[in-house]
N, C-alpha and C. Protein backbone atom coordinates (compact mmCIF):
# COMPACT_ATOMS: atom_id res chain seq x y z
N MET A 1 0.99 -1.34 0.40
CA MET A 1 -0.31 -0.04 -0.06
C MET A 1 0.74 1.53 -0.21
N GLU A 2 0.97 1.95 -0.56
CA GLU A 2 1.14 3.57 -0.74
C GLU A 2 0.56 4.64 0.42
N TYR A 3 1.38 4.71 0.98
CA TYR A 3 1.07 6.51 1.14
C TYR A 3 1.78 7.77 1.10
N ARG A 4 1.16 7.94 -0.29
CA ARG A 4 2.32 8.81 -1.29
C ARG A 4 1.43 9.94 -0.67
N GLY A 5 2.19 11.38 0.24
CA GLY A 5 1.32 12.37 0.32
C GLY A 5 0.99 12.81 1.02
N THR A 6 1.64 11.22 2.16
CA THR A 6 1.41 11.74 3.43
C THR A 6 2.36 12.05 4.47
N LEU A 7 1.83 11.79 5.65
CA LEU A 7 2.56 12.00 7.30
C LEU A 7 3.58 11.16 6.80
N PHE A 8 3.47 9.89 6.22
CA PHE A 8 4.80 8.89 6.47
C PHE A 8 5.85 8.69 5.64
N ASP A 9 5.30 9.81 4.53
CA ASP A 9 6.45 9.89 3.48
C ASP A 9 7.33 10.82 3.66
N GLU A 10 7.46 12.08 4.56
CA GLU A 10 8.14 12.98 5.50
C GLU A 10 8.62 12.53 6.51
N LEU A 11 7.99 11.37 6.93
CA LEU A 11 8.51 11.14 7.81
C LEU A 11 10.09 10.15 7.68
N ASP A 12 9.70 9.34 6.40
CA ASP A 12 10.43 8.20 5.77
C ASP A 12 11.52 9.16 5.32
N LYS A 13 11.44 10.39 4.84
CA LYS A 13 12.75 11.31 4.45
C LYS A 13 13.27 11.11 4.81
N LEU A 14 13.70 11.48 6.51
CA LEU A 14 14.52 11.81 7.44
C LEU A 14 15.39 10.94 7.71
N PRO A 15 16.67 11.47 8.37
CA PRO A 15 18.01 10.54 8.00
C PRO A 15 18.29 9.58 9.66
N LEU A 16 18.24 8.28 8.49
CA LEU A 16 18.27 7.40 9.97
C LEU A 16 19.54 6.77 9.88
N PHE A 17 20.31 6.44 11.12
CA PHE A 17 20.77 5.91 11.18
C PHE A 17 21.37 4.75 12.68
N VAL A 18 22.35 4.14 12.48
CA VAL A 18 22.33 2.55 12.87
C VAL A 18 22.72 2.84 13.70
N ALA A 19 22.73 3.18 15.30
CA ALA A 19 23.93 3.40 16.39
C ALA A 19 24.14 2.06 17.09
N PRO A 20 25.10 2.18 17.78
CA PRO A 20 26.39 0.58 18.88
C PRO A 20 25.29 -0.01 18.41
N HIS A 21 25.30 -1.47 18.49
CA HIS A 21 24.02 -2.36 18.66
C HIS A 21 23.38 -2.52 18.38
N GLY A 22 23.11 -2.01 17.09
CA GLY A 22 22.42 -2.63 15.71
C GLY A 22 20.28 -1.12 16.58
N ALA A 23 20.69 -1.00 16.49
CA ALA A 23 19.34 0.12 17.80
C ALA A 23 19.53 1.06 16.86
N MET A 24 18.20 1.08 15.65
CA MET A 24 17.83 2.44 15.18
C MET A 24 17.19 3.54 15.52
N ALA A 25 17.50 4.80 15.24
CA ALA A 25 16.99 5.53 16.08
C ALA A 25 16.77 7.05 14.69
N VAL A 26 15.76 8.27 14.61
CA VAL A 26 15.94 8.92 14.46
C VAL A 26 16.13 9.84 14.03
N GLN A 27 17.41 10.99 13.63
CA GLN A 27 18.19 12.40 13.27
C GLN A 27 17.48 13.09 13.52
N LEU A 28 16.59 13.99 14.39
CA LEU A 28 15.94 15.06 13.90
C LEU A 28 16.74 16.36 13.25
N VAL A 29 17.69 15.67 13.53
CA VAL A 29 18.51 17.41 13.05
C VAL A 29 18.27 17.15 11.48
N HIS A 30 17.64 18.32 11.52
CA HIS A 30 17.34 18.68 10.03
C HIS A 30 16.75 20.43 9.50
N SER A 31 16.72 20.56 8.05
CA SER A 31 16.68 21.93 8.25
C SER A 31 14.95 22.11 8.53
N VAL A 32 14.78 24.01 8.92
CA VAL A 32 14.40 24.18 9.37
C VAL A 32 12.34 24.02 8.34
N ASN A 33 13.23 23.61 7.12
CA ASN A 33 11.91 23.47 6.02
C ASN A 33 11.08 22.43 6.14
N SER A 34 12.27 21.53 6.49
CA SER A 34 11.03 20.37 6.58
C SER A 34 9.64 19.90 7.63
N VAL A 35 9.28 21.39 8.58
CA VAL A 35 8.42 21.36 9.05
C VAL A 35 7.46 22.27 8.46
N PRO A 36 7.68 22.63 7.50
CA PRO A 36 5.93 22.37 6.59
C PRO A 36 5.65 22.21 5.66
N ASN A 37 6.55 21.16 5.78
CA ASN A 37 6.10 19.92 4.96
C ASN A 37 6.11 18.27 6.10
N LEU A 38 6.30 18.03 7.24
CA LEU A 38 4.90 16.99 7.65
C LEU A 38 4.24 17.80 7.58
N LEU A 39 3.44 18.97 8.05
CA LEU A 39 2.43 19.57 8.31
C LEU A 39 1.59 19.20 7.39
N ALA A 40 2.24 19.38 6.61
CA ALA A 40 1.84 19.11 4.53
C ALA A 40 1.53 17.70 4.95
N ALA A 41 2.20 16.80 5.14
CA ALA A 41 1.87 15.69 4.48
C ALA A 41 1.27 14.85 5.65
N GLY A 42 1.45 15.47 7.13
CA GLY A 42 0.04 15.49 8.10
C GLY A 42 -1.70 15.26 7.69
N GLY A 43 -1.31 16.58 6.34
CA GLY A 43 -2.50 16.17 5.98
C GLY A 43 -3.20 18.19 6.08
N PHE A 44 -2.38 18.64 6.26
CA PHE A 44 -2.76 20.26 6.52
C PHE A 44 -3.70 21.32 5.94
N GLY A 45 -5.00 21.56 6.28
CA GLY A 45 -5.64 22.15 5.63
C GLY A 45 -6.87 20.82 4.39
N SER A 46 -6.70 19.61 4.86
CA SER A 46 -7.31 18.75 4.64
C SER A 46 -8.58 17.87 5.84
N LEU A 47 -9.41 17.06 5.27
CA LEU A 47 -10.33 16.88 5.87
C LEU A 47 -9.60 15.81 7.10
N ALA A 48 -8.61 15.48 6.68
CA ALA A 48 -7.75 14.54 7.77
C ALA A 48 -7.62 15.30 8.51
N TRP A 49 -6.70 16.02 8.52
CA TRP A 49 -6.24 16.89 9.41
C TRP A 49 -7.05 17.98 9.75
N GLY A 50 -8.18 18.35 9.35
CA GLY A 50 -9.45 19.22 10.03
C GLY A 50 -9.95 18.17 10.52
N ALA A 51 -10.17 17.44 10.61
CA ALA A 51 -11.45 16.24 11.69
C ALA A 51 -10.02 16.68 13.10
N GLU A 52 -8.77 16.29 12.43
CA GLU A 52 -7.76 16.07 13.54
C GLU A 52 -7.87 17.99 14.49
N LEU A 53 -8.07 18.24 14.73
CA LEU A 53 -7.81 20.18 14.81
C LEU A 53 -8.97 20.37 15.61
N ARG A 54 -10.23 19.74 15.15
CA ARG A 54 -11.95 19.99 15.85
C ARG A 54 -11.46 18.86 16.98
N SER A 55 -11.47 17.78 16.65
CA SER A 55 -10.83 16.75 17.99
C SER A 55 -9.95 16.98 18.97
N ARG A 56 -9.33 18.22 18.90
CA ARG A 56 -8.27 18.63 20.15
C ARG A 56 -8.54 18.85 21.67
N SER A 57 -10.38 19.14 21.15
CA SER A 57 -10.46 19.55 22.57
C SER A 57 -10.94 18.73 23.80
N ARG A 58 -11.00 17.05 22.73
CA ARG A 58 -11.58 15.90 23.02
C ARG A 58 -10.81 14.73 23.03
N ARG A 59 -9.42 15.01 23.00
CA ARG A 59 -8.74 14.06 22.53
C ARG A 59 -7.42 14.32 23.41
N PRO A 60 -5.96 13.73 23.61
CA PRO A 60 -4.90 14.52 24.38
C PRO A 60 -4.22 14.70 22.89
N ASP A 61 -3.30 15.86 24.13
CA ASP A 61 -2.03 16.51 23.43
C ASP A 61 -1.39 14.93 23.41
N LEU A 62 -0.70 15.35 21.85
CA LEU A 62 0.62 13.75 22.20
C LEU A 62 1.57 14.42 21.04
N GLY A 63 1.37 16.13 21.34
CA GLY A 63 3.02 16.78 20.84
C GLY A 63 3.09 16.70 19.18
N VAL A 64 4.45 17.36 18.92
CA VAL A 64 4.58 17.04 17.69
C VAL A 64 4.19 16.10 16.18
N LEU A 65 5.01 15.05 17.12
CA LEU A 65 4.49 13.45 16.90
C LEU A 65 4.01 12.85 16.34
N GLY A 66 3.30 12.97 17.33
CA GLY A 66 2.09 12.49 17.88
C GLY A 66 1.30 12.61 17.60
N ASN A 67 0.50 14.21 17.59
CA ASN A 67 -0.33 14.26 16.75
C ASN A 67 -0.42 14.30 15.32
N LEU A 68 1.05 14.37 14.80
CA LEU A 68 1.21 14.16 13.03
C LEU A 68 0.30 12.03 12.98
N ILE A 69 1.20 11.58 13.36
CA ILE A 69 0.62 10.13 13.05
C ILE A 69 -0.79 9.75 13.47
N ARG A 70 -1.23 10.41 14.53
CA ARG A 70 -2.58 9.98 14.33
C ARG A 70 -3.29 10.93 13.88
N SER A 71 -3.08 12.13 13.50
CA SER A 71 -4.15 12.51 12.29
C SER A 71 -4.02 11.43 10.97
N HIS A 72 -3.00 10.80 11.06
CA HIS A 72 -2.79 9.29 9.39
C HIS A 72 -4.66 9.26 9.31
N PRO A 73 -4.99 9.50 7.87
CA PRO A 73 -6.17 9.33 7.35
C PRO A 73 -6.62 7.57 7.93
N ASN A 74 -5.53 7.09 7.63
CA ASN A 74 -5.90 5.00 8.06
C ASN A 74 -6.78 5.16 9.50
N LEU A 75 -5.67 6.06 10.77
CA LEU A 75 -6.51 6.21 11.61
C LEU A 75 -7.78 6.44 11.52
N ASN A 76 -8.80 5.78 10.91
CA ASN A 76 -9.77 6.74 10.53
C ASN A 76 -11.37 6.25 12.34
N THR A 77 -10.93 5.15 12.96
CA THR A 77 -12.06 5.34 14.12
C THR A 77 -11.48 5.72 15.58
N ASP A 78 -12.41 6.11 16.28
CA ASP A 78 -12.21 6.57 17.50
C ASP A 78 -11.02 5.53 18.19
N TYR A 79 -11.65 3.75 17.71
CA TYR A 79 -10.88 2.87 18.66
C TYR A 79 -9.62 3.28 18.48
N GLU A 80 -9.22 2.63 17.52
CA GLU A 80 -7.90 3.08 16.60
C GLU A 80 -7.13 4.02 16.98
N LYS A 81 -7.75 5.78 17.45
CA LYS A 81 -7.10 6.95 17.55
C LYS A 81 -6.73 6.30 19.67
N SER A 82 -7.57 6.30 19.82
CA SER A 82 -7.70 5.57 21.36
C SER A 82 -6.07 4.84 21.84
N LEU A 83 -6.23 3.61 20.83
CA LEU A 83 -5.05 2.98 21.70
C LEU A 83 -3.96 3.21 21.46
N PHE A 84 -3.27 4.29 19.87
CA PHE A 84 -2.52 4.77 19.96
C PHE A 84 -1.89 5.83 20.71
N GLU A 85 -3.01 6.82 20.75
CA GLU A 85 -2.73 7.72 22.54
C GLU A 85 -2.75 6.46 23.88
N LYS A 86 -2.88 5.72 24.08
CA LYS A 86 -2.58 4.71 24.74
C LYS A 86 -1.34 4.67 25.02
N TYR A 87 -0.82 4.39 24.24
CA TYR A 87 0.26 3.33 23.58
C TYR A 87 1.18 4.64 23.94
N TRP A 88 1.14 5.83 22.79
CA TRP A 88 2.14 6.93 22.49
C TRP A 88 2.33 7.46 24.27
N LEU A 89 1.36 7.80 25.28
CA LEU A 89 1.51 8.29 26.40
C LEU A 89 1.76 7.34 27.28
N GLY A 90 2.27 6.09 27.11
CA GLY A 90 3.01 5.15 28.32
C GLY A 90 1.39 5.06 29.25
N GLN A 91 0.23 4.70 28.94
CA GLN A 91 -0.50 4.45 29.94
C GLN A 91 -0.75 2.97 29.86
N LYS A 92 -0.19 2.97 31.43
CA LYS A 92 -0.34 1.17 32.01
C LYS A 92 -1.56 1.28 32.29
N GLY A 93 -2.00 -1.06 32.04
CA GLY A 93 -2.69 -1.70 32.37
C GLY A 93 -3.47 -2.36 31.13
N ASN A 94 -4.07 -2.74 30.58
CA ASN A 94 -4.40 -3.71 29.23
C ASN A 94 -6.21 -3.52 29.05
N ILE A 95 -6.17 -3.48 27.95
CA ILE A 95 -7.70 -2.77 27.77
C ILE A 95 -8.68 -4.16 26.96
N GLU A 96 -9.87 -4.34 27.78
CA GLU A 96 -10.47 -5.60 27.06
C GLU A 96 -11.72 -4.98 25.96
N LEU A 97 -11.80 -5.97 24.78
CA LEU A 97 -12.78 -5.61 24.25
C LEU A 97 -14.60 -5.56 24.93
N THR A 98 -15.50 -4.87 24.45
CA THR A 98 -16.16 -5.38 24.33
C THR A 98 -16.99 -6.84 23.90
N ALA A 99 -18.18 -6.03 24.19
CA ALA A 99 -19.02 -8.09 23.77
C ALA A 99 -19.20 -7.08 21.95
N ASP A 100 -19.60 -6.91 21.84
CA ASP A 100 -20.20 -6.11 20.45
C ASP A 100 -18.83 -5.55 19.39
N GLN A 101 -17.67 -5.54 20.36
CA GLN A 101 -16.26 -4.85 19.32
C GLN A 101 -15.66 -6.83 19.31
N PHE A 102 -16.36 -7.67 20.45
CA PHE A 102 -15.75 -9.07 20.06
C PHE A 102 -16.39 -9.54 18.92
N LYS A 103 -17.87 -9.58 18.94
CA LYS A 103 -18.72 -9.99 17.64
C LYS A 103 -17.79 -9.62 16.16
N LYS A 104 -18.31 -8.06 16.17
CA LYS A 104 -17.16 -7.77 14.73
C LYS A 104 -15.83 -8.10 14.90
N VAL A 105 -14.82 -8.57 15.92
CA VAL A 105 -14.09 -9.46 15.38
C VAL A 105 -14.63 -10.94 15.23
N THR A 106 -15.39 -11.65 15.16
CA THR A 106 -15.62 -12.71 14.91
C THR A 106 -16.08 -13.45 13.88
N ASP A 107 -16.82 -12.05 13.21
CA ASP A 107 -17.62 -12.34 11.81
C ASP A 107 -16.99 -11.74 11.32
N TYR A 108 -15.76 -11.11 10.68
CA TYR A 108 -14.82 -10.92 9.85
C TYR A 108 -13.79 -11.82 10.21
N VAL A 109 -13.46 -12.77 10.87
CA VAL A 109 -12.42 -13.74 10.84
C VAL A 109 -13.16 -15.43 9.97
N SER A 110 -15.04 -15.00 10.64
CA SER A 110 -14.92 -15.97 9.62
C SER A 110 -15.31 -15.96 8.66
N SER A 111 -15.10 -15.08 7.68
CA SER A 111 -14.54 -14.49 6.10
C SER A 111 -13.14 -14.53 6.11
N ILE A 112 -12.46 -14.79 6.35
CA ILE A 112 -10.73 -15.19 6.07
C ILE A 112 -9.82 -16.54 6.28
N ASN A 113 -9.39 -16.72 6.08
CA ASN A 113 -8.44 -17.82 6.31
C ASN A 113 -7.93 -17.34 7.50
N SER A 114 -7.25 -18.15 8.68
CA SER A 114 -6.25 -18.30 9.81
C SER A 114 -5.24 -18.54 8.87
N THR A 115 -3.93 -17.87 9.61
CA THR A 115 -2.34 -17.56 9.77
C THR A 115 -2.09 -18.96 9.79
N SER A 116 -2.35 -19.59 11.15
CA SER A 116 -2.13 -20.68 12.20
C SER A 116 -2.62 -21.51 12.62
N VAL A 117 -2.50 -22.77 13.21
CA VAL A 117 -4.38 -22.59 14.40
C VAL A 117 -3.51 -24.50 14.86
N LEU A 118 -3.21 -23.31 16.08
CA LEU A 118 -2.43 -23.98 17.15
C LEU A 118 -3.78 -25.40 18.60
N THR A 119 -2.93 -25.96 19.37
CA THR A 119 -3.77 -26.28 20.36
C THR A 119 -3.74 -26.00 22.07
N VAL A 120 -4.46 -25.27 22.60
CA VAL A 120 -3.61 -24.37 23.64
C VAL A 120 -4.42 -24.96 25.26
N ASN A 121 -3.98 -25.27 25.67
CA ASN A 121 -4.55 -25.92 27.31
C ASN A 121 -4.74 -24.60 28.11
N SER A 122 -6.09 -24.49 28.55
CA SER A 122 -5.87 -23.38 29.42
C SER A 122 -6.30 -24.19 30.89
N THR A 123 -6.79 -23.11 32.04
CA THR A 123 -7.05 -23.97 33.28
C THR A 123 -8.21 -25.30 32.88
N ASN A 124 -7.90 -26.37 32.79
CA ASN A 124 -9.20 -27.56 33.11
C ASN A 124 -9.85 -26.95 31.92
N GLN A 125 -9.32 -26.97 30.27
CA GLN A 125 -10.36 -26.57 29.22
C GLN A 125 -8.67 -26.38 27.94
N THR A 126 -9.69 -26.88 27.19
CA THR A 126 -8.61 -27.46 25.67
C THR A 126 -9.14 -26.56 25.17
N LEU A 127 -8.41 -24.94 24.52
CA LEU A 127 -8.79 -24.77 23.12
C LEU A 127 -8.07 -24.34 22.58
N ILE A 128 -8.54 -24.00 21.15
CA ILE A 128 -8.43 -24.03 19.80
C ILE A 128 -7.41 -23.04 19.24
N ARG A 129 -5.96 -22.29 19.12
CA ARG A 129 -5.49 -21.22 18.36
C ARG A 129 -5.60 -20.72 17.74
N LYS A 130 -6.57 -19.76 16.75
CA LYS A 130 -5.60 -19.32 15.49
C LYS A 130 -5.82 -17.64 15.04
N GLN A 131 -4.63 -17.93 15.06
CA GLN A 131 -4.79 -15.75 14.57
C GLN A 131 -4.86 -15.77 12.50
N PHE A 132 -5.24 -14.37 12.91
CA PHE A 132 -5.79 -14.28 12.18
C PHE A 132 -4.99 -12.46 11.91
N ASN A 133 -5.37 -12.22 10.12
CA ASN A 133 -4.04 -10.48 10.11
C ASN A 133 -5.17 -9.69 9.57
N PHE A 134 -5.25 -9.06 11.09
CA PHE A 134 -6.56 -7.40 9.98
C PHE A 134 -5.93 -6.90 9.66
N GLY A 135 -5.30 -7.15 8.81
CA GLY A 135 -4.78 -6.18 7.45
C GLY A 135 -6.14 -4.40 7.03
N ARG A 136 -6.60 -6.02 6.22
CA ARG A 136 -7.46 -5.33 5.12
C ARG A 136 -8.76 -5.16 5.73
N ASN A 137 -8.74 -5.46 7.33
CA ASN A 137 -9.88 -4.83 7.50
C ASN A 137 -10.42 -3.54 8.54
N PRO A 138 -10.88 -2.31 7.86
CA PRO A 138 -11.02 -1.42 7.71
C PRO A 138 -11.18 -0.47 9.20
N GLU A 139 -11.72 -1.47 10.02
CA GLU A 139 -12.16 -1.66 11.46
C GLU A 139 -11.11 -1.28 12.60
N PHE A 140 -9.95 -2.64 11.74
CA PHE A 140 -9.35 -2.90 12.88
C PHE A 140 -8.21 -2.79 12.18
N ASP A 141 -7.67 -2.37 11.14
CA ASP A 141 -6.63 -2.31 10.26
C ASP A 141 -5.50 -2.14 11.93
N TYR A 142 -5.83 -0.76 11.67
CA TYR A 142 -4.70 -0.05 12.52
C TYR A 142 -4.51 -0.13 14.24
N ALA A 143 -5.45 -1.49 14.74
CA ALA A 143 -5.90 -1.84 16.17
C ALA A 143 -5.07 -3.08 16.66
N PHE A 144 -5.09 -3.90 15.11
CA PHE A 144 -4.83 -4.93 15.62
C PHE A 144 -4.04 -5.71 14.86
N GLY A 145 -2.60 -6.30 14.69
CA GLY A 145 -2.33 -6.63 13.67
C GLY A 145 -2.17 -8.02 13.33
N THR A 146 -1.58 -9.00 13.58
CA THR A 146 -2.27 -10.62 13.73
C THR A 146 -2.04 -11.16 14.83
N ALA A 147 -3.67 -10.77 14.84
CA ALA A 147 -4.00 -11.46 16.83
C ALA A 147 -4.99 -12.82 16.49
N SER A 148 -4.53 -13.41 17.79
CA SER A 148 -5.23 -14.70 18.01
C SER A 148 -7.28 -14.69 19.09
N VAL A 149 -7.71 -15.78 17.98
CA VAL A 149 -8.92 -15.68 18.53
C VAL A 149 -9.19 -17.39 19.20
N PHE A 150 -9.54 -17.22 19.86
CA PHE A 150 -9.82 -18.39 20.99
C PHE A 150 -11.30 -19.67 20.54
N TYR A 151 -11.22 -20.60 20.65
CA TYR A 151 -12.51 -21.36 20.11
C TYR A 151 -12.32 -22.67 21.51
N ASP A 152 -13.49 -23.15 21.44
CA ASP A 152 -13.75 -24.06 22.10
C ASP A 152 -13.55 -25.78 21.14
N ILE A 153 -13.75 -26.80 21.96
CA ILE A 153 -14.05 -28.02 21.05
C ILE A 153 -15.06 -28.24 20.52
N SER A 154 -16.05 -27.40 20.35
CA SER A 154 -17.41 -27.39 20.03
C SER A 154 -16.97 -26.13 19.26
N GLY A 155 -16.15 -25.32 18.58
CA GLY A 155 -16.33 -24.31 17.60
C GLY A 155 -16.80 -23.19 17.54
N ASN A 156 -16.55 -22.96 19.18
CA ASN A 156 -17.32 -21.78 19.14
C ASN A 156 -16.03 -20.20 19.92
N ALA A 157 -16.21 -19.13 19.27
CA ALA A 157 -15.36 -18.27 19.27
C ALA A 157 -15.86 -17.82 21.25
N VAL A 158 -14.19 -18.44 21.84
CA VAL A 158 -14.80 -17.50 23.32
C VAL A 158 -13.86 -16.34 24.30
N GLY A 159 -12.17 -16.66 22.91
CA GLY A 159 -11.05 -15.50 23.38
C GLY A 159 -10.74 -14.42 22.27
N PHE A 160 -9.73 -13.41 22.52
CA PHE A 160 -9.51 -13.02 22.63
C PHE A 160 -8.02 -12.64 22.60
N TYR A 161 -6.80 -12.47 22.27
CA TYR A 161 -5.65 -12.47 22.64
C TYR A 161 -4.45 -11.06 21.28
N ASP A 162 -4.29 -9.78 21.72
CA ASP A 162 -3.48 -9.59 21.20
C ASP A 162 -2.69 -8.39 21.11
N ASP A 163 -1.28 -8.07 21.24
CA ASP A 163 -0.29 -7.69 21.84
C ASP A 163 0.08 -6.10 20.82
N TYR A 164 -0.47 -5.21 21.35
CA TYR A 164 -0.19 -3.32 20.54
C TYR A 164 0.85 -3.03 21.11
N ASN A 165 1.91 -3.65 20.02
CA ASN A 165 3.47 -2.61 20.14
C ASN A 165 4.34 -2.91 18.90
N PHE A 166 3.27 -2.85 18.05
CA PHE A 166 4.23 -1.91 16.96
C PHE A 166 5.49 -3.40 16.09
N ASP A 167 4.86 -4.32 16.53
CA ASP A 167 6.25 -5.37 16.47
C ASP A 167 5.82 -5.23 14.49
N ILE A 168 7.22 -5.18 13.95
CA ILE A 168 7.08 -4.82 12.76
C ILE A 168 6.49 -6.54 11.96
N LYS A 169 6.81 -7.67 12.38
CA LYS A 169 6.39 -8.87 12.45
C LYS A 169 4.86 -9.23 12.39
N TRP A 170 4.38 -8.32 12.90
CA TRP A 170 2.48 -8.82 13.12
C TRP A 170 1.76 -8.02 12.76
N ARG A 171 1.93 -6.64 11.74
CA ARG A 171 1.05 -5.44 12.34
C ARG A 171 0.24 -5.52 10.82
N GLY A 172 0.93 -6.55 10.28
CA GLY A 172 -0.12 -6.67 8.88
C GLY A 172 0.24 -6.02 8.00
N PRO A 173 -0.70 -6.01 6.54
CA PRO A 173 -0.03 -6.14 5.37
C PRO A 173 -0.65 -4.76 5.41
N SER A 174 -1.34 -3.48 5.67
CA SER A 174 -1.38 -2.46 5.50
C SER A 174 -0.79 -1.08 6.47
N LEU A 175 0.32 -2.01 7.47
CA LEU A 175 1.49 -1.34 7.88
C LEU A 175 2.36 -2.53 8.06
N ASN A 176 3.16 -2.04 6.60
CA ASN A 176 4.59 -2.20 6.38
C ASN A 176 5.78 -2.41 7.43
N ALA A 177 6.30 -2.38 6.88
CA ALA A 177 7.77 -2.74 7.88
C ALA A 177 8.09 -1.35 8.30
N VAL A 178 8.56 -0.35 7.02
CA VAL A 178 7.82 1.32 7.32
C VAL A 178 7.56 1.92 8.93
N ILE A 179 6.25 1.82 8.23
CA ILE A 179 5.57 2.43 9.50
C ILE A 179 6.11 1.77 11.29
N PRO A 180 6.20 0.51 11.81
CA PRO A 180 5.94 -0.16 12.57
C PRO A 180 7.53 0.95 13.02
N LEU A 181 8.65 1.15 12.38
CA LEU A 181 10.01 1.49 12.52
C LEU A 181 9.51 2.67 12.78
N ILE A 182 8.71 3.14 11.56
CA ILE A 182 9.12 4.95 12.07
C ILE A 182 8.62 5.10 13.61
N VAL A 183 6.78 4.81 13.66
CA VAL A 183 6.64 4.57 15.49
C VAL A 183 7.41 4.20 16.25
N ARG A 184 8.05 3.43 16.36
CA ARG A 184 8.78 3.37 17.20
C ARG A 184 10.49 4.70 17.35
N SER A 185 10.94 4.72 16.68
CA SER A 185 11.17 5.85 15.94
C SER A 185 11.56 6.36 16.52
N ALA A 186 9.49 7.30 16.68
CA ALA A 186 9.50 8.25 16.58
C ALA A 186 9.16 8.49 18.42
N CYS A 187 9.17 7.78 18.81
CA CYS A 187 8.45 7.18 20.29
C CYS A 187 10.48 7.70 21.17
N LEU A 188 10.89 7.25 20.36
CA LEU A 188 12.15 7.07 21.27
C LEU A 188 12.49 9.30 20.97
N ILE A 189 11.73 9.71 20.24
CA ILE A 189 12.24 11.04 20.43
C ILE A 189 11.16 12.02 21.62
N GLY A 190 9.48 11.66 21.04
CA GLY A 190 8.35 12.50 21.75
C GLY A 190 7.79 11.60 22.02
N GLY A 191 7.68 10.16 22.76
CA GLY A 191 6.43 9.52 23.01
C GLY A 191 7.66 8.80 24.51
N ARG A 192 6.12 8.48 24.94
CA ARG A 192 6.69 7.30 26.20
C ARG A 192 6.12 6.16 25.97
N CYS A 193 6.05 5.83 25.16
CA CYS A 193 4.85 4.78 24.39
C CYS A 193 5.69 3.39 25.06
N SER A 194 4.41 2.17 25.22
CA SER A 194 4.28 1.83 25.94
C SER A 194 3.34 0.23 25.84
N PRO A 195 4.01 -0.48 25.15
CA PRO A 195 3.51 -1.51 24.77
C PRO A 195 1.65 -2.28 26.09
N PHE A 196 0.74 -3.05 25.65
CA PHE A 196 0.19 -3.65 26.08
C PHE A 196 -0.93 -4.77 25.67
N GLU A 197 -1.68 -4.74 25.79
CA GLU A 197 -2.30 -6.84 26.08
C GLU A 197 -4.33 -6.13 25.56
N ILE A 198 -4.41 -6.74 24.53
CA ILE A 198 -5.95 -6.40 24.11
C ILE A 198 -6.30 -8.08 24.58
N THR A 199 -7.52 -7.85 25.33
CA THR A 199 -8.23 -9.09 25.60
C THR A 199 -9.73 -9.24 24.99
N TYR A 200 -9.75 -10.44 25.08
CA TYR A 200 -11.52 -11.06 25.73
C TYR A 200 -11.75 -12.49 26.03
N GLY A 201 -11.86 -12.11 27.19
CA GLY A 201 -12.88 -13.85 27.20
C GLY A 201 -11.49 -14.94 27.79
N GLN A 202 -11.96 -16.35 27.17
CA GLN A 202 -10.53 -17.09 27.75
C GLN A 202 -9.55 -17.29 26.30
N TYR A 203 -8.38 -16.89 26.66
CA TYR A 203 -7.21 -17.52 26.03
C TYR A 203 -5.82 -17.72 26.76
N VAL A 204 -4.83 -17.69 25.88
CA VAL A 204 -3.84 -18.22 26.50
C VAL A 204 -2.41 -16.84 25.91
N LYS A 205 -2.06 -16.42 26.50
CA LYS A 205 -0.20 -15.79 25.67
C LYS A 205 0.14 -16.32 24.71
N PRO A 206 0.04 -16.09 23.93
CA PRO A 206 0.78 -16.72 22.33
C PRO A 206 2.39 -16.95 23.22
């Protein structure tokens, strides 16, 4: 998927360097002229940026980088924005899906193939863990990566697990390797980013 003309194009142009021991960081020493480019890439004057500005009164201020990332048009639901805000601000505690969200998840995965299937043991119960990629789901593509849905031996969906951490391996086709790298690098500069778990019902951590 292309992000031509978006925030991520401009952030991706910032020079990267490999620090000792292979740690990747973003070098933010660049010309003042880059700032207008970042603002324009984030959609300044666009519908996405306008919506972001209108929502400032009810959404937390994430600083320049965090606000720009949150304004990306693919973070198009309040749920996706709220998850990113929690991650960026380093807020403690995990998230539990609502029953309605879990139903939407199970309705979606019933129409796609799982990427892996494994039998796992919960407390006095055997569960089937199926992993699904949510990269093509318009509601959850920027909320989950490759997440686990759990079923009992009768085939009933009973649980969910995902680790919200912008892991490059698991984020899915609409979040290619560049975007998690950008977010993680931006965290080193302007965020207090802290991973957390998203769960529902009966589950076993992968």
